[in-house]
Amino acid sequence: MPMDQDPNHGGTNADGSKNAKYCSYCLVHGQFADGFKTSGEMAAFVRGKLKEMGYGWLKRWFFSSHISQLERWKKPA
């Protein structure tokens, strides 16, 4: 979610400070609130929401195709 569209302008870290990397729907008190265990689960959810919003298959694929590359899903080095 673009931060300029997030009503709270970002999630919150464990200490209550703002987090500019994740939206307020995703990060609450330093924890991911959505419950997704894998990037595939998140991609399927996003595609479903986009379908509900009337997006065609190509846009659904495009908007969800890089979810697995987001920092959240990268394995620690």
N, C-alpha and C. Protein backbone atom coordinates (compact mmCIF):
# COMPACT_ATOMS: atom_id res chain seq x y z
N MET A 1 0.84 -1.18 0.00
CA MET A 1 0.00 0.00 0.00
C MET A 1 0.89 1.24 0.00
N PRO A 2 0.61 2.18 -0.88
CA PRO A 2 1.36 3.43 -0.85
C PRO A 2 1.09 4.18 0.46
N MET A 3 2.13 4.67 1.09
CA MET A 3 1.98 5.33 2.39
C MET A 3 1.09 6.56 2.32
N ASP A 4 1.04 7.22 1.17
CA ASP A 4 0.18 8.40 1.09
C ASP A 4 -1.30 8.02 1.09
N GLN A 5 -1.61 6.74 0.93
CA GLN A 5 -2.98 6.28 1.00
C GLN A 5 -3.31 5.62 2.34
N ASP A 6 -2.30 5.42 3.16
CA ASP A 6 -2.51 4.82 4.48
C ASP A 6 -3.05 5.90 5.42
N PRO A 7 -4.22 5.68 6.00
CA PRO A 7 -4.79 6.72 6.87
C PRO A 7 -3.93 7.05 8.09
N ASN A 8 -3.09 6.10 8.52
CA ASN A 8 -2.21 6.34 9.67
C ASN A 8 -0.78 6.66 9.27
N HIS A 9 -0.52 6.70 7.97
CA HIS A 9 0.81 7.05 7.44
C HIS A 9 1.91 6.13 7.94
N GLY A 10 1.61 4.84 8.03
CA GLY A 10 2.61 3.85 8.41
C GLY A 10 2.20 3.04 9.62
N GLY A 11 2.81 1.87 9.72
CA GLY A 11 2.55 1.00 10.85
C GLY A 11 3.31 1.46 12.08
N THR A 12 3.29 0.62 13.12
CA THR A 12 3.99 0.96 14.36
C THR A 12 4.98 -0.13 14.73
N ASN A 13 6.13 0.31 15.23
CA ASN A 13 7.15 -0.60 15.73
C ASN A 13 6.77 -1.07 17.13
N ALA A 14 7.53 -2.02 17.65
CA ALA A 14 7.24 -2.58 18.98
C ALA A 14 7.22 -1.50 20.06
N ASP A 15 8.05 -0.47 19.88
CA ASP A 15 8.11 0.60 20.89
C ASP A 15 7.05 1.69 20.67
N GLY A 16 6.19 1.50 19.68
CA GLY A 16 5.12 2.45 19.40
C GLY A 16 5.49 3.53 18.39
N SER A 17 6.74 3.59 17.99
CA SER A 17 7.15 4.59 17.00
C SER A 17 6.63 4.20 15.62
N LYS A 18 6.53 5.18 14.72
CA LYS A 18 6.04 4.95 13.36
C LYS A 18 7.05 4.15 12.56
N ASN A 19 6.54 3.33 11.66
CA ASN A 19 7.36 2.57 10.74
C ASN A 19 6.97 3.01 9.34
N ALA A 20 7.89 3.58 8.60
CA ALA A 20 7.61 4.10 7.28
C ALA A 20 7.70 3.04 6.19
N LYS A 21 8.14 1.84 6.53
CA LYS A 21 8.31 0.78 5.55
C LYS A 21 7.03 -0.02 5.33
N TYR A 22 6.24 -0.19 6.38
CA TYR A 22 5.03 -1.01 6.30
C TYR A 22 3.81 -0.19 6.70
N CYS A 23 2.69 -0.47 6.05
CA CYS A 23 1.46 0.30 6.33
C CYS A 23 0.84 -0.11 7.66
N SER A 24 -0.10 0.68 8.10
CA SER A 24 -0.75 0.43 9.39
C SER A 24 -1.65 -0.80 9.37
N TYR A 25 -2.01 -1.28 8.20
CA TYR A 25 -2.80 -2.51 8.11
C TYR A 25 -1.91 -3.74 8.27
N CYS A 26 -0.62 -3.59 7.96
CA CYS A 26 0.30 -4.73 8.00
C CYS A 26 1.08 -4.83 9.31
N LEU A 27 1.60 -3.73 9.80
CA LEU A 27 2.47 -3.77 10.97
C LEU A 27 1.84 -3.04 12.15
N VAL A 28 1.59 -3.78 13.22
CA VAL A 28 1.00 -3.23 14.44
C VAL A 28 1.87 -3.65 15.62
N HIS A 29 2.44 -2.67 16.30
CA HIS A 29 3.31 -2.93 17.46
C HIS A 29 4.44 -3.91 17.12
N GLY A 30 5.02 -3.74 15.91
CA GLY A 30 6.17 -4.56 15.50
C GLY A 30 5.83 -5.95 15.01
N GLN A 31 4.56 -6.27 14.90
CA GLN A 31 4.14 -7.60 14.45
C GLN A 31 3.28 -7.46 13.19
N PHE A 32 3.48 -8.40 12.25
CA PHE A 32 2.63 -8.41 11.06
C PHE A 32 1.24 -8.89 11.45
N ALA A 33 0.24 -8.11 11.10
CA ALA A 33 -1.12 -8.35 11.55
C ALA A 33 -1.93 -9.26 10.63
N ASP A 34 -1.42 -9.56 9.46
CA ASP A 34 -2.23 -10.28 8.48
C ASP A 34 -2.24 -11.80 8.66
N GLY A 35 -1.25 -12.37 9.31
CA GLY A 35 -1.23 -13.80 9.54
C GLY A 35 -0.70 -14.64 8.39
N PHE A 36 -0.18 -14.02 7.34
CA PHE A 36 0.37 -14.78 6.23
C PHE A 36 1.66 -15.46 6.66
N LYS A 37 1.79 -16.74 6.33
CA LYS A 37 3.00 -17.50 6.65
C LYS A 37 3.97 -17.52 5.47
N THR A 38 3.45 -17.34 4.26
CA THR A 38 4.29 -17.38 3.06
C THR A 38 3.92 -16.24 2.12
N SER A 39 4.85 -15.94 1.22
CA SER A 39 4.57 -14.93 0.21
C SER A 39 3.47 -15.40 -0.74
N GLY A 40 3.37 -16.71 -0.96
CA GLY A 40 2.32 -17.26 -1.82
C GLY A 40 0.93 -17.00 -1.27
N GLU A 41 0.79 -17.12 0.06
CA GLU A 41 -0.49 -16.81 0.69
C GLU A 41 -0.85 -15.34 0.49
N MET A 42 0.14 -14.49 0.66
CA MET A 42 -0.11 -13.05 0.49
C MET A 42 -0.46 -12.73 -0.96
N ALA A 43 0.25 -13.34 -1.91
CA ALA A 43 -0.01 -13.09 -3.33
C ALA A 43 -1.43 -13.54 -3.70
N ALA A 44 -1.85 -14.70 -3.20
CA ALA A 44 -3.20 -15.18 -3.49
C ALA A 44 -4.25 -14.24 -2.93
N PHE A 45 -4.02 -13.73 -1.73
CA PHE A 45 -4.94 -12.77 -1.11
C PHE A 45 -5.03 -11.51 -1.95
N VAL A 46 -3.87 -10.98 -2.36
CA VAL A 46 -3.84 -9.75 -3.15
C VAL A 46 -4.57 -9.95 -4.48
N ARG A 47 -4.31 -11.08 -5.14
CA ARG A 47 -5.00 -11.35 -6.41
C ARG A 47 -6.51 -11.42 -6.21
N GLY A 48 -6.95 -12.04 -5.12
CA GLY A 48 -8.39 -12.11 -4.83
C GLY A 48 -9.00 -10.74 -4.62
N LYS A 49 -8.31 -9.90 -3.85
CA LYS A 49 -8.82 -8.55 -3.60
C LYS A 49 -8.88 -7.74 -4.90
N LEU A 50 -7.84 -7.87 -5.72
CA LEU A 50 -7.82 -7.14 -6.98
C LEU A 50 -8.94 -7.61 -7.91
N LYS A 51 -9.22 -8.92 -7.87
CA LYS A 51 -10.32 -9.44 -8.68
C LYS A 51 -11.65 -8.85 -8.20
N GLU A 52 -11.84 -8.80 -6.88
CA GLU A 52 -13.05 -8.19 -6.32
C GLU A 52 -13.20 -6.74 -6.78
N MET A 53 -12.06 -6.07 -6.95
CA MET A 53 -12.07 -4.66 -7.35
C MET A 53 -12.22 -4.48 -8.86
N GLY A 54 -12.29 -5.60 -9.60
CA GLY A 54 -12.54 -5.53 -11.04
C GLY A 54 -11.31 -5.51 -11.92
N TYR A 55 -10.14 -5.76 -11.36
CA TYR A 55 -8.93 -5.79 -12.16
C TYR A 55 -8.87 -7.07 -12.98
N GLY A 56 -8.38 -6.97 -14.21
CA GLY A 56 -8.22 -8.12 -15.08
C GLY A 56 -7.03 -8.98 -14.66
N TRP A 57 -6.91 -10.17 -15.27
CA TRP A 57 -5.88 -11.12 -14.87
C TRP A 57 -4.47 -10.56 -15.03
N LEU A 58 -4.24 -9.79 -16.09
CA LEU A 58 -2.89 -9.28 -16.33
C LEU A 58 -2.45 -8.31 -15.23
N LYS A 59 -3.33 -7.41 -14.85
CA LYS A 59 -2.99 -6.47 -13.77
C LYS A 59 -2.87 -7.21 -12.44
N ARG A 60 -3.73 -8.20 -12.20
CA ARG A 60 -3.62 -8.99 -10.96
C ARG A 60 -2.27 -9.69 -10.90
N TRP A 61 -1.85 -10.27 -12.02
CA TRP A 61 -0.55 -10.93 -12.07
C TRP A 61 0.57 -9.91 -11.84
N PHE A 62 0.49 -8.79 -12.55
CA PHE A 62 1.55 -7.77 -12.46
C PHE A 62 1.71 -7.25 -11.04
N PHE A 63 0.61 -6.92 -10.39
CA PHE A 63 0.67 -6.33 -9.05
C PHE A 63 1.06 -7.34 -7.98
N SER A 64 0.94 -8.63 -8.25
CA SER A 64 1.28 -9.64 -7.24
C SER A 64 2.54 -10.42 -7.57
N SER A 65 3.12 -10.22 -8.74
CA SER A 65 4.23 -11.07 -9.18
C SER A 65 5.53 -10.86 -8.42
N HIS A 66 5.71 -9.75 -7.75
CA HIS A 66 6.97 -9.48 -7.05
C HIS A 66 6.84 -9.53 -5.52
N ILE A 67 5.72 -10.01 -5.04
CA ILE A 67 5.52 -10.07 -3.59
C ILE A 67 6.60 -10.89 -2.91
N SER A 68 7.00 -11.98 -3.54
CA SER A 68 8.02 -12.85 -2.92
C SER A 68 9.38 -12.16 -2.80
N GLN A 69 9.58 -11.07 -3.51
CA GLN A 69 10.85 -10.35 -3.46
C GLN A 69 10.85 -9.20 -2.46
N LEU A 70 9.72 -8.96 -1.81
CA LEU A 70 9.65 -7.89 -0.81
C LEU A 70 10.54 -8.23 0.39
N GLU A 71 11.04 -7.23 1.05
CA GLU A 71 11.95 -7.42 2.19
C GLU A 71 11.36 -8.34 3.25
N ARG A 72 10.09 -8.25 3.46
CA ARG A 72 9.44 -9.08 4.48
C ARG A 72 9.71 -10.58 4.25
N TRP A 73 9.78 -10.99 3.01
CA TRP A 73 9.91 -12.40 2.69
C TRP A 73 11.34 -12.85 2.43
N LYS A 74 12.28 -11.92 2.46
CA LYS A 74 13.69 -12.31 2.26
C LYS A 74 14.22 -13.04 3.48
N LYS A 75 14.99 -14.05 3.23
CA LYS A 75 15.60 -14.80 4.33
C LYS A 75 16.78 -14.00 4.88
N PRO A 76 16.95 -13.98 6.20
CA PRO A 76 18.09 -13.25 6.79
C PRO A 76 19.41 -13.85 6.31
N ALA A 77 20.38 -13.00 6.11
CA ALA A 77 21.69 -13.46 5.61
C ALA A 77 22.52 -14.09 6.72
